[in-house]
Amino acid sequence: MSTLRAVLSAVLTAAPGTGLDDIARGLELSRDEVDAMVGYWERRGELTVDRLLGCSASGCGGCPVAPDRAWCRRPAGGDRPGLLAISPGRRGGERGA
């Protein structure tokens, strides 16, 4: 199985509450690699990524999502969204992972 397919499979079969950091560790990949592959599968329509909580312009100081939580995607000084929900995309049911 290719690394891209392994990431897709891991995301689709992850237990609720599993973060992308957990998936990265399990597959021995960096978080940036997993983020890039999730982005690839989102563009292909296999995954849908919904922004549930955005980061404020003032940074993490007032955020209810602790910056050290696995499901926060915002790197120090970055501008990516905080809490995300990832689910099968519009094409996710058409083909097997």
N, C-alpha and C. Protein backbone atom coordinates (compact mmCIF):
# COMPACT_ATOMS: atom_id res chain seq x y z
N MET A 1 0.85 -1.17 0.00
CA MET A 1 0.00 0.00 0.00
C MET A 1 0.90 1.24 0.00
N SER A 2 0.59 2.20 -0.85
CA SER A 2 1.36 3.43 -0.89
C SER A 2 1.15 4.24 0.38
N THR A 3 2.07 5.15 0.64
CA THR A 3 1.96 6.01 1.81
C THR A 3 0.71 6.88 1.71
N LEU A 4 0.40 7.37 0.52
CA LEU A 4 -0.82 8.16 0.34
C LEU A 4 -2.06 7.36 0.72
N ARG A 5 -2.14 6.13 0.26
CA ARG A 5 -3.29 5.27 0.58
C ARG A 5 -3.30 4.93 2.06
N ALA A 6 -2.13 4.75 2.66
CA ALA A 6 -2.06 4.43 4.09
C ALA A 6 -2.62 5.59 4.92
N VAL A 7 -2.32 6.82 4.53
CA VAL A 7 -2.86 7.98 5.24
C VAL A 7 -4.38 8.04 5.07
N LEU A 8 -4.86 7.86 3.86
CA LEU A 8 -6.30 7.87 3.62
C LEU A 8 -6.99 6.80 4.46
N SER A 9 -6.46 5.61 4.45
CA SER A 9 -7.04 4.51 5.22
C SER A 9 -7.02 4.81 6.71
N ALA A 10 -5.91 5.35 7.20
CA ALA A 10 -5.79 5.66 8.62
C ALA A 10 -6.81 6.72 9.04
N VAL A 11 -7.00 7.73 8.21
CA VAL A 11 -7.98 8.79 8.52
C VAL A 11 -9.39 8.22 8.51
N LEU A 12 -9.71 7.43 7.51
CA LEU A 12 -11.08 6.90 7.39
C LEU A 12 -11.42 5.87 8.46
N THR A 13 -10.42 5.20 9.02
CA THR A 13 -10.69 4.17 10.02
C THR A 13 -10.33 4.60 11.44
N ALA A 14 -9.91 5.84 11.60
CA ALA A 14 -9.51 6.34 12.92
C ALA A 14 -10.69 6.38 13.88
N ALA A 15 -10.40 6.08 15.12
CA ALA A 15 -11.41 6.19 16.18
C ALA A 15 -11.74 7.66 16.40
N PRO A 16 -12.97 7.96 16.83
CA PRO A 16 -13.32 9.35 17.14
C PRO A 16 -12.32 9.94 18.13
N GLY A 17 -11.92 11.17 17.88
CA GLY A 17 -10.98 11.84 18.76
C GLY A 17 -9.52 11.63 18.39
N THR A 18 -9.27 10.79 17.40
CA THR A 18 -7.90 10.57 16.95
C THR A 18 -7.44 11.80 16.18
N GLY A 19 -6.30 12.30 16.51
CA GLY A 19 -5.77 13.49 15.84
C GLY A 19 -4.81 13.13 14.73
N LEU A 20 -4.53 14.10 13.90
CA LEU A 20 -3.57 13.88 12.82
C LEU A 20 -2.17 13.64 13.37
N ASP A 21 -1.86 14.17 14.54
CA ASP A 21 -0.58 13.86 15.17
C ASP A 21 -0.49 12.38 15.49
N ASP A 22 -1.60 11.80 15.97
CA ASP A 22 -1.63 10.37 16.27
C ASP A 22 -1.40 9.54 15.01
N ILE A 23 -2.05 9.94 13.94
CA ILE A 23 -1.91 9.23 12.67
C ILE A 23 -0.47 9.35 12.16
N ALA A 24 0.11 10.55 12.27
CA ALA A 24 1.49 10.74 11.83
C ALA A 24 2.44 9.83 12.62
N ARG A 25 2.27 9.78 13.93
CA ARG A 25 3.12 8.90 14.75
C ARG A 25 2.93 7.44 14.37
N GLY A 26 1.69 7.03 14.19
CA GLY A 26 1.41 5.64 13.86
C GLY A 26 1.99 5.21 12.53
N LEU A 27 2.07 6.13 11.59
CA LEU A 27 2.61 5.82 10.26
C LEU A 27 4.08 6.23 10.12
N GLU A 28 4.65 6.74 11.21
CA GLU A 28 6.04 7.20 11.23
C GLU A 28 6.30 8.25 10.15
N LEU A 29 5.40 9.22 10.11
CA LEU A 29 5.52 10.35 9.19
C LEU A 29 5.53 11.63 10.00
N SER A 30 5.96 12.72 9.38
CA SER A 30 5.87 14.01 10.05
C SER A 30 4.44 14.53 9.94
N ARG A 31 4.09 15.44 10.81
CA ARG A 31 2.77 16.04 10.75
C ARG A 31 2.58 16.80 9.45
N ASP A 32 3.64 17.46 8.99
CA ASP A 32 3.55 18.20 7.72
C ASP A 32 3.25 17.26 6.55
N GLU A 33 3.87 16.07 6.57
CA GLU A 33 3.60 15.10 5.50
C GLU A 33 2.14 14.66 5.53
N VAL A 34 1.63 14.38 6.73
CA VAL A 34 0.22 13.95 6.85
C VAL A 34 -0.71 15.08 6.42
N ASP A 35 -0.42 16.31 6.84
CA ASP A 35 -1.24 17.45 6.42
C ASP A 35 -1.27 17.56 4.90
N ALA A 36 -0.12 17.40 4.26
CA ALA A 36 -0.05 17.50 2.79
C ALA A 36 -0.86 16.39 2.13
N MET A 37 -0.80 15.19 2.70
CA MET A 37 -1.53 14.07 2.10
C MET A 37 -3.03 14.19 2.34
N VAL A 38 -3.42 14.69 3.49
CA VAL A 38 -4.85 14.95 3.73
C VAL A 38 -5.33 16.00 2.73
N GLY A 39 -4.52 17.04 2.50
CA GLY A 39 -4.86 18.05 1.50
C GLY A 39 -5.02 17.45 0.11
N TYR A 40 -4.13 16.54 -0.24
CA TYR A 40 -4.23 15.85 -1.54
C TYR A 40 -5.56 15.11 -1.64
N TRP A 41 -5.89 14.33 -0.61
CA TRP A 41 -7.15 13.56 -0.65
C TRP A 41 -8.38 14.46 -0.61
N GLU A 42 -8.24 15.62 0.04
CA GLU A 42 -9.35 16.59 0.02
C GLU A 42 -9.55 17.13 -1.39
N ARG A 43 -8.47 17.49 -2.06
CA ARG A 43 -8.57 18.00 -3.44
C ARG A 43 -9.13 16.93 -4.38
N ARG A 44 -8.83 15.68 -4.14
CA ARG A 44 -9.33 14.58 -4.96
C ARG A 44 -10.78 14.22 -4.65
N GLY A 45 -11.33 14.79 -3.57
CA GLY A 45 -12.72 14.51 -3.21
C GLY A 45 -12.90 13.28 -2.34
N GLU A 46 -11.81 12.68 -1.87
CA GLU A 46 -11.91 11.49 -1.03
C GLU A 46 -12.16 11.84 0.43
N LEU A 47 -11.74 13.03 0.85
CA LEU A 47 -11.96 13.51 2.22
C LEU A 47 -12.58 14.89 2.18
N THR A 48 -13.34 15.18 3.20
CA THR A 48 -13.89 16.52 3.41
C THR A 48 -13.32 17.03 4.72
N VAL A 49 -12.73 18.22 4.69
CA VAL A 49 -12.16 18.82 5.89
C VAL A 49 -13.01 20.04 6.22
N ASP A 50 -13.64 20.00 7.38
CA ASP A 50 -14.49 21.11 7.82
C ASP A 50 -13.81 21.84 8.96
N ARG A 51 -13.78 23.13 8.85
CA ARG A 51 -13.22 23.98 9.91
C ARG A 51 -14.30 24.20 10.96
N LEU A 52 -14.06 23.67 12.16
CA LEU A 52 -15.03 23.80 13.24
C LEU A 52 -14.74 24.99 14.14
N LEU A 53 -13.48 25.33 14.25
CA LEU A 53 -13.07 26.43 15.12
C LEU A 53 -11.87 27.08 14.49
N GLY A 54 -11.97 28.34 14.20
CA GLY A 54 -10.84 29.02 13.58
C GLY A 54 -9.95 29.66 14.62
N CYS A 55 -8.77 29.96 14.22
CA CYS A 55 -7.82 30.63 15.10
C CYS A 55 -8.09 32.14 15.05
N SER A 56 -7.98 32.77 16.21
CA SER A 56 -8.21 34.20 16.26
C SER A 56 -6.98 34.95 15.79
N ALA A 57 -7.18 36.18 15.41
CA ALA A 57 -6.07 37.01 14.94
C ALA A 57 -5.07 37.26 16.05
N SER A 58 -5.53 37.18 17.30
CA SER A 58 -4.64 37.44 18.44
C SER A 58 -3.79 36.24 18.82
N GLY A 59 -3.98 35.12 18.13
CA GLY A 59 -3.16 33.94 18.42
C GLY A 59 -3.83 32.98 19.36
N CYS A 60 -3.04 32.12 19.97
CA CYS A 60 -3.56 31.02 20.79
C CYS A 60 -3.95 31.44 22.20
N GLY A 61 -3.58 32.64 22.61
CA GLY A 61 -3.82 33.07 23.99
C GLY A 61 -5.25 32.93 24.46
N GLY A 62 -6.21 33.28 23.64
CA GLY A 62 -7.61 33.21 24.05
C GLY A 62 -8.36 32.02 23.49
N CYS A 63 -7.65 31.07 22.90
CA CYS A 63 -8.28 29.94 22.25
C CYS A 63 -8.73 28.89 23.25
N PRO A 64 -9.96 28.39 23.12
CA PRO A 64 -10.42 27.32 24.01
C PRO A 64 -9.77 25.97 23.71
N VAL A 65 -9.14 25.86 22.55
CA VAL A 65 -8.43 24.63 22.19
C VAL A 65 -6.97 24.82 22.56
N ALA A 66 -6.51 24.05 23.52
CA ALA A 66 -5.12 24.19 23.96
C ALA A 66 -4.18 23.93 22.80
N PRO A 67 -3.16 24.77 22.61
CA PRO A 67 -2.28 24.60 21.46
C PRO A 67 -1.50 23.29 21.46
N ASP A 68 -1.41 22.62 22.59
CA ASP A 68 -0.67 21.35 22.60
C ASP A 68 -1.57 20.15 22.36
N ARG A 69 -2.85 20.37 22.08
CA ARG A 69 -3.75 19.26 21.81
C ARG A 69 -3.49 18.70 20.41
N ALA A 70 -3.58 17.40 20.27
CA ALA A 70 -3.25 16.74 19.01
C ALA A 70 -4.11 17.22 17.85
N TRP A 71 -5.36 17.65 18.11
CA TRP A 71 -6.24 18.00 17.01
C TRP A 71 -6.19 19.47 16.65
N CYS A 72 -5.30 20.21 17.26
CA CYS A 72 -5.10 21.59 16.84
C CYS A 72 -4.07 21.60 15.72
N ARG A 73 -4.44 22.13 14.57
CA ARG A 73 -3.54 22.14 13.41
C ARG A 73 -2.68 23.38 13.33
N ARG A 74 -2.81 24.29 14.27
CA ARG A 74 -2.07 25.54 14.14
C ARG A 74 -0.65 25.39 14.70
N PRO A 75 0.35 25.50 13.85
CA PRO A 75 1.72 25.48 14.36
C PRO A 75 2.04 26.82 15.01
N ALA A 76 3.04 26.85 15.82
CA ALA A 76 3.44 28.11 16.46
C ALA A 76 3.68 29.16 15.39
N GLY A 77 2.99 30.28 15.49
CA GLY A 77 3.15 31.36 14.53
C GLY A 77 2.46 31.13 13.20
N GLY A 78 1.74 30.02 13.05
CA GLY A 78 1.07 29.72 11.79
C GLY A 78 -0.33 30.28 11.73
N ASP A 79 -0.98 30.07 10.61
CA ASP A 79 -2.33 30.61 10.46
C ASP A 79 -3.32 29.55 10.01
N ARG A 80 -2.99 28.26 10.19
CA ARG A 80 -3.93 27.21 9.81
C ARG A 80 -5.06 27.14 10.83
N PRO A 81 -6.20 26.58 10.45
CA PRO A 81 -7.33 26.50 11.37
C PRO A 81 -7.04 25.62 12.57
N GLY A 82 -7.79 25.84 13.64
CA GLY A 82 -7.61 25.08 14.86
C GLY A 82 -8.25 23.71 14.81
N LEU A 83 -9.49 23.60 15.20
CA LEU A 83 -10.18 22.32 15.30
C LEU A 83 -10.81 21.96 13.96
N LEU A 84 -10.52 20.77 13.49
CA LEU A 84 -11.01 20.30 12.19
C LEU A 84 -11.80 19.02 12.36
N ALA A 85 -12.74 18.80 11.46
CA ALA A 85 -13.44 17.51 11.35
C ALA A 85 -13.14 16.98 9.97
N ILE A 86 -12.65 15.76 9.90
CA ILE A 86 -12.33 15.15 8.62
C ILE A 86 -13.23 13.94 8.43
N SER A 87 -13.88 13.88 7.28
CA SER A 87 -14.81 12.79 7.00
C SER A 87 -14.67 12.35 5.55
N PRO A 88 -15.28 11.21 5.20
CA PRO A 88 -15.23 10.80 3.78
C PRO A 88 -15.78 11.91 2.90
N GLY A 89 -15.16 12.10 1.77
CA GLY A 89 -15.57 13.15 0.85
C GLY A 89 -16.66 12.71 -0.08
N ARG A 90 -16.95 13.54 -1.03
CA ARG A 90 -18.03 13.26 -1.98
C ARG A 90 -17.75 12.02 -2.79
N ARG A 91 -16.47 11.68 -2.96
CA ARG A 91 -16.12 10.48 -3.72
C ARG A 91 -15.74 9.33 -2.80
N GLY A 92 -15.70 9.56 -1.49
CA GLY A 92 -15.22 8.57 -0.55
C GLY A 92 -15.94 7.24 -0.59
N GLY A 93 -17.22 7.24 -0.96
CA GLY A 93 -17.96 6.00 -1.01
C GLY A 93 -17.88 5.30 -2.36
N GLU A 94 -17.31 5.98 -3.37
CA GLU A 94 -17.26 5.41 -4.71
C GLU A 94 -16.18 4.37 -4.88
N ARG A 95 -15.04 4.59 -4.21
CA ARG A 95 -13.93 3.68 -4.38
C ARG A 95 -13.43 3.26 -3.00
N GLY A 96 -12.90 2.08 -2.91
CA GLY A 96 -12.33 1.61 -1.65
C GLY A 96 -11.02 2.29 -1.36
N ALA A 97 -10.67 2.35 -0.08
CA ALA A 97 -9.41 2.97 0.32
C ALA A 97 -8.33 2.03 0.05
